[in-house]
């Protein structure tokens, strides 16, 4: 629920593949600079082309009315993807699947049974990830990673947006698939060749040949691409974006919010109170659920406290710097963007299903949704509530960042524009109201 400057929409004639028209939340003239290989965006002849192309690109997600979460409502390709997604033979050693960390009962978020709530357990004993597992729901709406032109107080700025993972290192969902499979802290496969060999020996092999051709296994890179394509077909099926929450029924006129929830929604939108909508975006005048994905897919640095439960954090010299450590980013930065300014930034997550996808933030620093909202409200007025004290007694504010990057923290905008001793933008009742509203974003079945 970070706040931010108004989001950019896309300039006439620019069509981001995979980006729904419905994500254009605050309508400013904008364009996009794509810096990731393979992410070139085509220009169309006029205003109507982007809308048409964007609808086509996301039709796999929203064109089919969501049905029960069973295989009968999946296409053959989606069913194959589901089988691969749930296959525990695809890790090294065997025993962990994509579904281990992205559990359906937790809105496709989880930690593979880790003894540390904030991070997933790997396949080897006492190995753990370094970040909280994000939900996969509604991630098909994220545009490819790039730097987007936006207007801030009359100035044109470039702002990172899109991609997958907390640091956007995977340009698209397809690119994302192999990351956990090859990560030694996760599924621990030594190579793409090893993954392909396991799939070739699995019960999914015949179906892969049937859908993609008998020669699908002749080349490891091609086979891996088709494995990823099948998994993404499942991840872009309607069950990953059902728009079935009470809030969605409220937008459709089929349900009502109670008084506390209604107050929370108003505070969520109020630029002088919660200002949550600035980053967790929605189109305020719209009653179309697809206008409310509750993220603008940008990146922000809000100075989340260090989580001492994460094993990697036992080393005091280690800091997870997020976006600025995205592999290869330093060589692809557009002119005018300094790498150091991106240190500490992480991708703004969707708030859909937020009540069932804790713990919260990139490092799982907060187990309680209420505490997460309170942090936004009183981070600057009462930092002693959130950060430890140094040996001399001073509060070690933004303690998960090296001193050189603490100035990168978002501190000018609502609700962060407060000083110690001042009254927070939100009182306890208002925080409770926002939490009550956030609980209406849970899709049916969770």
Protein backbone atom coordinates (compact mmCIF):
# COMPACT_ATOMS: atom_id res chain seq x y z
CA UNK A 1 0.00 0.00 0.00
CA UNK A 2 2.77 2.27 -0.94
CA UNK A 3 2.02 5.60 -2.51
CA UNK A 4 3.34 7.00 -5.70
CA UNK A 5 2.92 9.58 -8.40
CA UNK A 6 0.06 9.06 -10.89
CA UNK A 7 0.59 6.02 -13.10
CA UNK A 8 1.32 6.17 -16.77
CA UNK A 9 -0.94 4.76 -19.45
CA UNK A 10 0.33 4.03 -22.92
CA UNK A 11 0.70 6.44 -25.79
CA UNK A 12 -1.47 5.99 -28.88
CA UNK A 13 -0.02 3.32 -31.12
CA UNK A 14 2.01 1.53 -28.42
CA UNK A 15 0.82 -1.97 -27.62
CA UNK A 16 2.50 -3.80 -24.74
CA UNK A 17 2.05 -7.53 -25.36
CA UNK A 18 0.19 -9.22 -22.56
CA UNK A 19 -0.90 -5.95 -20.94
CA UNK A 20 -4.67 -5.60 -20.63
CA UNK A 21 -6.33 -2.35 -21.55
CA UNK A 22 -7.92 -2.47 -18.09
CA UNK A 23 -4.64 -1.70 -16.35
CA UNK A 24 -4.63 1.86 -17.61
CA UNK A 25 -5.52 3.25 -14.24
CA UNK A 26 -4.97 6.97 -14.16
CA UNK A 27 -4.63 7.90 -17.81
CA UNK A 28 -1.60 10.11 -18.36
CA UNK A 29 0.11 10.53 -21.71
CA UNK A 30 2.99 8.10 -21.62
CA UNK A 31 5.23 5.93 -23.71
CA UNK A 32 7.52 3.06 -22.95
CA UNK A 33 11.19 2.37 -23.26
CA UNK A 34 11.84 -1.36 -23.34
CA UNK A 35 15.33 -2.39 -22.35
CA UNK A 36 14.94 -6.15 -22.01
CA UNK A 37 15.91 -8.35 -24.92
CA UNK A 38 12.96 -9.82 -26.73
CA UNK A 39 10.54 -7.19 -25.42
CA UNK A 40 10.21 -4.86 -28.39
CA UNK A 41 6.71 -3.44 -28.66
CA UNK A 42 5.09 -2.71 -31.99
CA UNK A 43 3.37 0.55 -32.85
CA UNK A 44 -0.04 0.54 -34.42
CA UNK A 45 -1.63 3.10 -36.71
CA UNK A 46 -3.96 4.77 -34.25
CA UNK A 47 -5.73 5.00 -30.91
CA UNK A 48 -7.91 1.95 -31.42
CA UNK A 49 -5.13 -0.53 -32.21
CA UNK A 50 -3.60 -0.77 -28.73
CA UNK A 51 -6.98 -1.47 -27.18
CA UNK A 52 -7.73 -4.19 -29.68
CA UNK A 53 -4.31 -5.84 -29.38
CA UNK A 54 -4.29 -5.68 -25.61
CA UNK A 55 -7.67 -7.36 -25.42
CA UNK A 56 -6.39 -10.14 -27.65
CA UNK A 57 -3.22 -10.55 -25.59
CA UNK A 58 -5.08 -11.07 -22.33
CA UNK A 59 -8.01 -13.04 -23.74
CA UNK A 60 -6.50 -16.26 -22.42
CA UNK A 61 -7.05 -14.94 -18.92
CA UNK A 62 -10.36 -13.11 -18.93
CA UNK A 63 -12.35 -14.21 -21.98
CA UNK A 64 -13.51 -17.48 -20.41
CA UNK A 65 -16.00 -17.32 -17.58
CA UNK A 66 -14.22 -18.86 -14.58
CA UNK A 67 -15.65 -22.19 -13.51
CA UNK A 68 -14.85 -24.58 -10.68
CA UNK A 69 -11.19 -25.28 -10.04
CA UNK A 70 -11.14 -28.64 -11.76
CA UNK A 71 -9.38 -29.96 -14.84
CA UNK A 72 -12.57 -30.16 -16.91
CA UNK A 73 -12.43 -26.41 -17.42
CA UNK A 74 -8.85 -26.46 -18.71
CA UNK A 75 -7.67 -26.84 -22.29
CA UNK A 76 -5.33 -29.75 -23.07
CA UNK A 77 -2.35 -27.37 -22.97
CA UNK A 78 -3.48 -25.94 -19.64
CA UNK A 79 -3.97 -29.44 -18.19
CA UNK A 80 -0.45 -30.36 -19.28
CA UNK A 81 0.82 -27.19 -17.63
CA UNK A 82 -1.01 -28.06 -14.43
CA UNK A 83 0.55 -31.53 -14.38
CA UNK A 84 4.02 -30.04 -14.85
CA UNK A 85 3.28 -27.39 -12.22
CA UNK A 86 2.42 -30.11 -9.70
CA UNK A 87 5.12 -32.63 -10.66
CA UNK A 88 7.43 -33.24 -7.68
CA UNK A 89 9.86 -35.25 -9.81
CA UNK A 90 11.14 -32.08 -11.45
CA UNK A 91 13.37 -31.03 -8.55
CA UNK A 92 16.76 -32.28 -7.38
CA UNK A 93 16.37 -34.34 -5.31
CA UNK A 94 12.77 -35.16 -6.11
CA UNK A 95 10.05 -33.94 -3.81
CA UNK A 96 9.40 -30.29 -4.68
CA UNK A 97 7.16 -28.84 -7.40
CA UNK A 98 6.13 -25.36 -8.49
CA UNK A 99 2.98 -25.98 -6.46
CA UNK A 100 5.04 -26.54 -3.30
CA UNK A 101 5.78 -22.81 -3.06
CA UNK A 102 2.72 -21.66 -5.00
CA UNK A 103 0.01 -23.57 -3.18
CA UNK A 104 -3.50 -23.39 -4.64
CA UNK A 105 -5.13 -23.25 -1.20
CA UNK A 106 -3.12 -20.11 -0.39
CA UNK A 107 -3.92 -18.28 -3.64
CA UNK A 108 -0.82 -19.80 -5.26
CA UNK A 109 1.55 -18.50 -2.59
CA UNK A 110 3.37 -20.52 0.06
CA UNK A 111 6.71 -21.68 1.43
CA UNK A 112 7.03 -25.44 0.73
CA UNK A 113 6.47 -26.26 4.38
CA UNK A 114 9.37 -24.13 5.54
CA UNK A 115 9.99 -23.74 9.26
CA UNK A 116 10.60 -20.05 8.47
CA UNK A 117 7.32 -18.45 7.46
CA UNK A 118 8.92 -15.71 5.36
CA UNK A 119 10.89 -17.87 2.94
CA UNK A 120 10.49 -21.20 1.20
CA UNK A 121 12.41 -24.34 2.04
CA UNK A 122 14.64 -25.77 -0.67
CA UNK A 123 14.96 -29.40 -1.69
CA UNK A 124 18.12 -29.90 0.38
CA UNK A 125 18.12 -29.93 4.16
CA UNK A 126 18.34 -26.50 5.78
CA UNK A 127 18.34 -24.54 2.54
CA UNK A 128 16.02 -21.56 2.33
CA UNK A 129 15.18 -18.81 -0.10
CA UNK A 130 16.00 -15.18 0.52
CA UNK A 131 12.61 -13.64 -0.33
CA UNK A 132 8.94 -14.17 0.41
CA UNK A 133 7.17 -16.14 -2.33
CA UNK A 134 4.81 -13.89 -4.33
CA UNK A 135 1.38 -15.05 -5.40
CA UNK A 136 0.99 -16.07 -9.03
CA UNK A 137 -2.58 -14.84 -9.20
CA UNK A 138 -3.20 -11.95 -11.59
CA UNK A 139 0.48 -11.94 -12.62
CA UNK A 140 -0.49 -12.44 -16.26
CA UNK A 141 -1.49 -8.77 -16.16
CA UNK A 142 2.07 -7.62 -15.55
CA UNK A 143 3.66 -6.07 -18.65
CA UNK A 144 7.17 -7.09 -19.72
CA UNK A 145 9.89 -5.43 -17.68
CA UNK A 146 10.99 -2.05 -18.98
CA UNK A 147 11.43 1.62 -18.16
CA UNK A 148 8.32 3.64 -18.84
CA UNK A 149 8.05 7.33 -19.51
CA UNK A 150 5.77 9.09 -17.06
CA UNK A 151 5.06 12.68 -16.11
CA UNK A 152 5.78 13.81 -12.56
CA UNK A 153 4.96 17.44 -11.69
CA UNK A 154 5.49 18.44 -15.30
CA UNK A 155 8.75 16.53 -15.71
CA UNK A 156 9.19 13.45 -17.85
CA UNK A 157 10.68 10.62 -15.79
CA UNK A 158 11.56 7.00 -16.51
CA UNK A 159 10.09 4.47 -14.13
CA UNK A 160 10.74 0.73 -13.91
CA UNK A 161 7.65 -1.38 -14.37
CA UNK A 162 6.59 -4.95 -15.02
CA UNK A 163 8.37 -8.24 -15.27
CA UNK A 164 8.20 -11.12 -12.78
CA UNK A 165 9.76 -11.75 -9.36
CA UNK A 166 10.29 -9.05 -6.73
CA UNK A 167 13.15 -7.59 -8.79
CA UNK A 168 11.64 -8.03 -12.26
CA UNK A 169 14.54 -10.21 -13.40
CA UNK A 170 12.24 -12.35 -15.56
CA UNK A 171 10.83 -10.25 -18.36
CA UNK A 172 7.70 -12.38 -18.80
CA UNK A 173 5.93 -15.32 -17.15
CA UNK A 174 7.55 -17.69 -19.63
CA UNK A 175 10.98 -16.40 -18.64
CA UNK A 176 10.05 -16.88 -14.99
CA UNK A 177 9.42 -20.62 -15.11
CA UNK A 178 13.01 -21.88 -15.24
CA UNK A 179 14.26 -19.56 -12.46
CA UNK A 180 13.03 -21.57 -9.44
CA UNK A 181 13.80 -24.85 -11.20
CA UNK A 182 17.48 -23.89 -11.54
CA UNK A 183 17.87 -22.02 -8.25
CA UNK A 184 20.03 -24.07 -5.83
CA UNK A 185 17.97 -22.67 -2.95
CA UNK A 186 14.74 -23.89 -4.52
CA UNK A 187 14.25 -26.82 -6.94
CA UNK A 188 18.02 -27.14 -7.38
CA UNK A 189 18.30 -28.56 -10.90
CA UNK A 190 21.85 -28.25 -12.26
CA UNK A 191 20.87 -27.36 -15.83
CA UNK A 192 18.13 -27.02 -18.41
CA UNK A 193 19.32 -30.33 -19.82
CA UNK A 194 18.57 -32.01 -16.48
CA UNK A 195 15.06 -30.52 -16.34
CA UNK A 196 14.29 -31.64 -19.89
CA UNK A 197 15.57 -35.15 -19.17
CA UNK A 198 13.22 -35.43 -16.19
CA UNK A 199 10.23 -34.26 -18.21
CA UNK A 200 11.14 -36.60 -21.05
CA UNK A 201 11.06 -39.50 -18.59
CA UNK A 202 7.81 -38.35 -16.96
CA UNK A 203 4.18 -39.15 -17.62
CA UNK A 204 3.84 -35.72 -19.26
CA UNK A 205 6.22 -36.53 -22.13
CA UNK A 206 3.62 -38.02 -24.49
CA UNK A 207 1.26 -35.12 -23.99
CA UNK A 208 4.08 -32.65 -24.65
CA UNK A 209 4.77 -34.42 -27.95
CA UNK A 210 1.09 -34.48 -28.84
CA UNK A 211 0.67 -30.72 -28.28
CA UNK A 212 4.03 -29.43 -29.54
CA UNK A 213 5.16 -32.09 -31.98
CA UNK A 214 7.12 -35.36 -31.91
CA UNK A 215 10.43 -33.49 -32.18
CA UNK A 216 9.88 -31.39 -29.07
CA UNK A 217 12.71 -33.11 -27.18
CA UNK A 218 15.28 -32.95 -29.99
CA UNK A 219 16.69 -29.67 -28.68
CA UNK A 220 16.94 -28.92 -24.95
CA UNK A 221 16.39 -25.17 -25.30
CA UNK A 222 13.30 -25.67 -27.46
CA UNK A 223 11.97 -28.34 -25.11
CA UNK A 224 12.44 -26.06 -22.09
CA UNK A 225 10.62 -23.27 -23.91
CA UNK A 226 7.65 -25.57 -24.55
CA UNK A 227 7.67 -26.82 -20.95
CA UNK A 228 7.53 -23.19 -19.81
CA UNK A 229 4.83 -22.39 -22.35
CA UNK A 230 2.63 -25.18 -21.03
CA UNK A 231 3.08 -24.10 -17.41
CA UNK A 232 2.26 -20.52 -18.34
CA UNK A 233 -0.84 -21.71 -20.20
CA UNK A 234 -2.00 -23.03 -16.84
CA UNK A 235 -0.88 -19.89 -14.99
CA UNK A 236 -2.93 -17.76 -17.38
CA UNK A 237 -6.05 -19.88 -17.08
CA UNK A 238 -9.12 -18.26 -15.46
CA UNK A 239 -8.47 -19.81 -12.05
CA UNK A 240 -5.46 -17.47 -11.71
CA UNK A 241 -7.62 -14.40 -12.36
CA UNK A 242 -11.21 -15.26 -11.44
CA UNK A 243 -12.30 -11.82 -10.18
CA UNK A 244 -14.64 -13.61 -7.79
CA UNK A 245 -14.18 -11.68 -4.53
CA UNK A 246 -16.86 -9.88 -2.55
CA UNK A 247 -15.38 -6.64 -3.85
CA UNK A 248 -15.94 -7.84 -7.41
CA UNK A 249 -19.55 -8.67 -6.58
CA UNK A 250 -19.84 -5.20 -5.04
CA UNK A 251 -18.60 -3.64 -8.27
CA UNK A 252 -21.11 -5.72 -10.23
CA UNK A 253 -23.94 -4.63 -7.94
CA UNK A 254 -24.44 -8.14 -6.54
CA UNK A 255 -23.23 -7.46 -3.00
CA UNK A 256 -22.69 -4.58 -0.59
CA UNK A 257 -19.80 -3.53 1.60
CA UNK A 258 -20.61 -2.99 5.24
CA UNK A 259 -19.96 0.36 6.89
CA UNK A 260 -16.42 -0.42 8.02
CA UNK A 261 -15.46 -1.89 4.64
CA UNK A 262 -16.95 1.09 2.81
CA UNK A 263 -14.97 3.47 5.01
CA UNK A 264 -11.84 1.43 4.30
CA UNK A 265 -12.42 1.67 0.56
CA UNK A 266 -12.79 5.44 0.76
CA UNK A 267 -9.62 5.78 2.87
CA UNK A 268 -7.82 3.48 0.42
CA UNK A 269 -8.62 5.93 -2.39
CA UNK A 270 -8.16 9.18 -0.44
CA UNK A 271 -4.92 10.86 -1.52
CA UNK A 272 -4.73 12.68 1.83
CA UNK A 273 -5.28 9.59 3.99
CA UNK A 274 -4.26 6.09 2.90
CA UNK A 275 -3.41 6.99 -0.69
CA UNK A 276 -3.08 3.25 -1.29
CA UNK A 277 -4.53 3.50 -4.78
CA UNK A 278 -1.52 5.48 -5.97
CA UNK A 279 0.48 2.23 -6.30
CA UNK A 280 -2.09 -0.48 -5.68
CA UNK A 281 -3.94 0.88 -8.62
CA UNK A 282 -7.54 0.81 -9.68
CA UNK A 283 -9.71 3.02 -11.84
CA UNK A 284 -11.78 4.86 -9.25
CA UNK A 285 -14.75 5.57 -11.51
CA UNK A 286 -15.01 2.03 -12.88
CA UNK A 287 -17.28 -0.83 -11.80
CA UNK A 288 -15.43 -3.29 -14.05
CA UNK A 289 -13.42 -5.72 -11.86
CA UNK A 290 -10.66 -5.94 -14.45
CA UNK A 291 -9.97 -2.26 -13.84
CA UNK A 292 -8.97 -3.23 -10.30
CA UNK A 293 -5.84 -5.39 -10.28
CA UNK A 294 -4.56 -3.45 -7.24
CA UNK A 295 -1.03 -2.89 -8.51
CA UNK A 296 0.56 -0.66 -11.10
CA UNK A 297 3.48 -3.14 -11.39
CA UNK A 298 6.04 -0.44 -10.60
CA UNK A 299 8.86 -0.59 -8.03
CA UNK A 300 9.19 1.22 -4.74
CA UNK A 301 11.48 1.47 -1.74
CA UNK A 302 9.53 1.81 1.50
CA UNK A 303 12.25 0.88 3.97
CA UNK A 304 10.79 -2.39 5.27
CA UNK A 305 12.52 -3.55 8.48
CA UNK A 306 15.13 -6.29 8.26
CA UNK A 307 13.78 -9.78 8.92
CA UNK A 308 16.25 -11.53 11.20
CA UNK A 309 14.48 -14.87 10.66
CA UNK A 310 15.88 -15.15 7.12
CA UNK A 311 19.13 -17.14 7.31
CA UNK A 312 20.90 -14.95 4.75
CA UNK A 313 20.38 -11.97 7.06
CA UNK A 314 22.57 -13.55 9.73
CA UNK A 315 25.46 -11.97 7.82
CA UNK A 316 25.35 -8.27 8.84
CA UNK A 317 27.17 -7.30 5.64
CA UNK A 318 24.40 -8.78 3.47
CA UNK A 319 21.57 -6.63 2.18
CA UNK A 320 18.91 -7.57 -0.34
CA UNK A 321 18.93 -4.51 -2.61
CA UNK A 322 16.21 -5.64 -4.99
CA UNK A 323 15.88 -3.99 -8.37
CA UNK A 324 19.41 -2.58 -8.65
CA UNK A 325 20.79 -6.12 -8.39
CA UNK A 326 18.70 -7.42 -11.28
CA UNK A 327 21.22 -9.37 -13.39
CA UNK A 328 22.47 -7.34 -16.35
CA UNK A 329 20.44 -4.25 -15.52
CA UNK A 330 23.49 -1.99 -15.21
CA UNK A 331 24.30 -2.51 -18.90
CA UNK A 332 20.74 -1.78 -20.04
CA UNK A 333 19.80 1.32 -18.10
CA UNK A 334 18.30 4.11 -20.18
CA UNK A 335 20.03 7.48 -20.12
CA UNK A 336 19.17 9.51 -17.04
CA UNK A 337 18.51 6.54 -14.71
CA UNK A 338 21.19 5.92 -12.09
CA UNK A 339 21.61 2.35 -10.87
CA UNK A 340 22.11 3.36 -7.24
CA UNK A 341 18.71 5.10 -7.19
CA UNK A 342 17.02 1.71 -7.74
CA UNK A 343 18.66 0.05 -4.74
CA UNK A 344 16.06 -1.02 -2.21
CA UNK A 345 13.19 -1.00 -4.70
CA UNK A 346 10.90 -4.02 -5.01
CA UNK A 347 7.90 -4.66 -7.21
CA UNK A 348 4.52 -3.45 -5.96
CA UNK A 349 2.42 -6.61 -5.39
CA UNK A 350 -1.25 -7.06 -6.10
CA UNK A 351 -3.50 -6.76 -3.05
CA UNK A 352 -5.97 -9.28 -4.40
CA UNK A 353 -6.13 -12.21 -1.96
CA UNK A 354 -3.84 -10.31 0.40
CA UNK A 355 -5.63 -11.68 3.48
CA UNK A 356 -4.54 -15.24 2.62
CA UNK A 357 -1.05 -14.61 1.24
CA UNK A 358 0.88 -13.48 4.30
CA UNK A 359 3.51 -12.87 5.51
CA UNK A 360 3.94 -9.50 3.84
CA UNK A 361 6.53 -7.56 1.84
CA UNK A 362 9.49 -8.97 -0.07
CA UNK A 363 11.14 -10.28 3.09
CA UNK A 364 8.00 -11.38 4.94
CA UNK A 365 8.76 -8.91 7.72
CA UNK A 366 5.14 -8.78 8.92
CA UNK A 367 2.94 -11.78 9.59
CA UNK A 368 -0.13 -9.67 10.38
CA UNK A 369 -2.01 -7.75 7.70
CA UNK A 370 -2.98 -5.21 10.34
CA UNK A 371 0.68 -4.63 11.25
CA UNK A 372 1.55 -4.20 7.58
CA UNK A 373 -1.00 -1.41 7.24
CA UNK A 374 0.06 0.17 10.55
CA UNK A 375 3.64 0.23 9.28
CA UNK A 376 2.63 2.41 6.35
CA UNK A 377 0.78 4.78 8.63
CA UNK A 378 3.35 5.20 11.42
CA UNK A 379 6.70 4.31 9.90
CA UNK A 380 7.78 7.94 10.11
CA UNK A 381 5.79 9.18 13.08
CA UNK A 382 6.75 6.28 15.36
CA UNK A 383 9.78 4.53 13.89
CA UNK A 384 10.60 3.06 17.30
CA UNK A 385 7.63 0.73 16.82
CA UNK A 386 9.20 -0.89 13.76
CA UNK A 387 12.97 -0.67 13.95
CA UNK A 388 15.55 -1.76 16.54
CA UNK A 389 17.72 0.66 18.49
CA UNK A 390 21.43 1.14 17.95
CA UNK A 391 23.87 0.68 20.81
CA UNK A 392 23.64 4.39 21.64
CA UNK A 393 19.83 4.25 21.90
CA UNK A 394 18.92 5.91 18.57
CA UNK A 395 16.39 4.14 16.36
CA UNK A 396 18.07 2.32 13.47
CA UNK A 397 15.53 3.41 10.88
CA UNK A 398 15.55 1.60 7.52
CA UNK A 399 17.85 -0.99 9.08
CA UNK A 400 17.73 -3.35 6.10
CA UNK A 401 19.51 -0.84 3.87
CA UNK A 402 23.15 0.24 3.82
CA UNK A 403 23.54 3.90 4.80
CA UNK A 404 24.35 4.87 1.20
CA UNK A 405 20.87 3.86 0.04
CA UNK A 406 18.65 5.09 2.87
CA UNK A 407 17.91 8.30 0.99
CA UNK A 408 16.28 6.17 -1.72
CA UNK A 409 13.35 5.40 0.58
CA UNK A 410 10.02 6.93 -0.43
CA UNK A 411 9.43 9.56 2.26
CA UNK A 412 7.83 12.59 0.60
CA UNK A 413 4.39 11.32 -0.32
CA UNK A 414 1.27 10.46 1.64
CA UNK A 415 1.21 8.69 4.06
CA UNK A 416 4.98 8.98 4.54
CA UNK A 417 5.06 12.78 4.73
CA UNK A 418 5.09 12.82 8.53
CA UNK A 419 7.75 13.48 11.13
CA UNK A 420 8.38 11.83 14.52
CA UNK A 421 5.84 13.05 17.02
CA UNK A 422 3.33 14.16 14.39
CA UNK A 423 -0.06 12.52 14.03
CA UNK A 424 -0.14 9.67 11.48
CA UNK A 425 -2.34 10.07 8.43
CA UNK A 426 -4.43 7.13 9.67
CA UNK A 427 -5.71 6.43 13.18
CA UNK A 428 -6.38 2.96 14.60
CA UNK A 429 -10.03 2.90 13.54
CA UNK A 430 -9.10 3.92 10.00
CA UNK A 431 -6.42 1.24 9.86
CA UNK A 432 -9.00 -1.33 10.94
CA UNK A 433 -11.30 -0.07 8.20
CA UNK A 434 -8.65 -0.47 5.50
CA UNK A 435 -7.87 -3.98 6.72
CA UNK A 436 -11.58 -4.82 6.63
CA UNK A 437 -11.73 -3.58 3.05
CA UNK A 438 -8.64 -5.57 2.05
CA UNK A 439 -10.33 -8.72 3.31
CA UNK A 440 -13.07 -8.22 0.71
CA UNK A 441 -10.45 -8.81 -2.02
CA UNK A 442 -10.24 -12.55 -1.32
CA UNK A 443 -11.48 -14.66 -4.22
CA UNK A 444 -14.04 -17.37 -3.56
CA UNK A 445 -12.53 -20.67 -2.51
CA UNK A 446 -9.68 -19.28 -0.38
